[in-house]
Amino acid sequence: MWSELSKEPPVVRFTTKINLNGVSQQNGLLDKRSVPSLRQWNSSYSIKTVLEDIRRHLMTAKENQKLSQPAEGTVF
């Protein structure tokens, strides 16, 4: 079953509001083009790979570090 599911990259959606380039402010969906592991999906990748990529490419990006964040606890 995983082999069938892993052919397509997972859908990543934040439930807690976050202000990052590549994350929809309407529904929290992550644009797959903004994270290399999702953009160039490989069935050998795991959720850990995706989360590390989000941290490496979105959370630490200089342009995202300057963005103000919603109040803690707000959700989409």
Protein backbone atom coordinates (compact mmCIF):
# COMPACT_ATOMS: atom_id res chain seq x y z
CA MET A 1 0.00 0.00 0.00
CA TRP A 2 2.76 2.49 0.90
CA SER A 3 4.43 1.90 -2.47
CA GLU A 4 1.23 3.01 -4.23
CA LEU A 5 0.76 6.00 -1.95
CA SER A 6 4.38 7.06 -2.10
CA LYS A 7 4.36 7.58 -5.87
CA GLU A 8 2.91 11.05 -5.29
CA PRO A 9 4.29 13.58 -2.81
CA PRO A 10 2.24 14.01 0.35
CA VAL A 11 -0.05 16.98 0.87
CA VAL A 12 1.35 19.15 3.66
CA ARG A 13 -1.02 21.44 5.52
CA PHE A 14 -0.35 23.53 8.59
CA THR A 15 -3.25 23.64 11.05
CA THR A 16 -1.72 26.39 13.17
CA LYS A 17 -1.38 29.69 11.32
CA ILE A 18 2.11 30.45 10.12
CA ASN A 19 3.35 33.18 7.82
CA LEU A 20 5.87 31.66 5.40
CA ASN A 21 6.41 32.09 1.69
CA GLY A 22 4.93 29.00 0.05
CA VAL A 23 2.18 28.48 2.64
CA SER A 24 -1.37 29.52 1.70
CA GLN A 25 -2.76 32.06 4.14
CA GLN A 26 -6.28 30.82 3.33
CA ASN A 27 -5.95 27.16 4.26
CA GLY A 28 -2.37 26.43 5.38
CA LEU A 29 -1.51 24.25 2.36
CA LEU A 30 2.16 24.12 1.49
CA ASP A 31 2.98 24.79 -2.16
CA LYS A 32 4.93 21.70 -3.26
CA ARG A 33 7.13 23.87 -5.46
CA SER A 34 8.58 25.63 -2.41
CA VAL A 35 10.23 22.52 -0.90
CA PRO A 36 12.78 20.51 -2.93
CA SER A 37 11.79 17.10 -1.55
CA LEU A 38 8.16 17.67 -2.58
CA ARG A 39 9.05 19.27 -5.90
CA GLN A 40 11.36 16.36 -6.82
CA TRP A 41 9.50 13.61 -4.99
CA ASN A 42 11.08 10.18 -4.65
CA SER A 43 9.23 7.23 -3.12
CA SER A 44 12.20 6.55 -0.84
CA TYR A 45 11.58 9.84 1.00
CA SER A 46 9.88 9.81 4.37
CA ILE A 47 7.92 12.33 6.40
CA LYS A 48 11.20 13.05 8.19
CA THR A 49 12.78 14.06 4.87
CA VAL A 50 9.90 16.43 4.14
CA LEU A 51 9.92 18.00 7.62
CA GLU A 52 13.69 18.50 7.54
CA ASP A 53 13.35 20.11 4.11
CA ILE A 54 10.63 22.46 5.35
CA ARG A 55 12.85 23.49 8.23
CA ARG A 56 15.94 23.89 6.05
CA HIS A 57 14.35 25.75 3.14
CA LEU A 58 11.42 27.65 4.64
CA MET A 59 11.91 28.16 8.36
CA THR A 60 15.51 29.36 8.07
CA ALA A 61 15.14 31.38 4.85
CA LYS A 62 16.09 35.02 5.48
CA GLU A 63 12.99 36.33 3.72
CA ASN A 64 10.77 34.22 5.98
CA GLN A 65 12.59 35.13 9.19
CA LYS A 66 11.61 38.77 8.64
CA LEU A 67 7.88 38.03 8.34
CA SER A 68 5.65 38.79 11.31
CA GLN A 69 3.84 35.74 12.63
CA PRO A 70 0.18 35.37 13.65
CA ALA A 71 -0.71 35.28 17.32
CA GLU A 72 0.17 31.98 18.98
CA GLY A 73 -2.66 29.47 18.93
CA THR A 74 -4.49 30.86 15.88
CA VAL A 75 -5.54 28.21 13.39
CA PHE A 76 -6.60 28.02 9.75
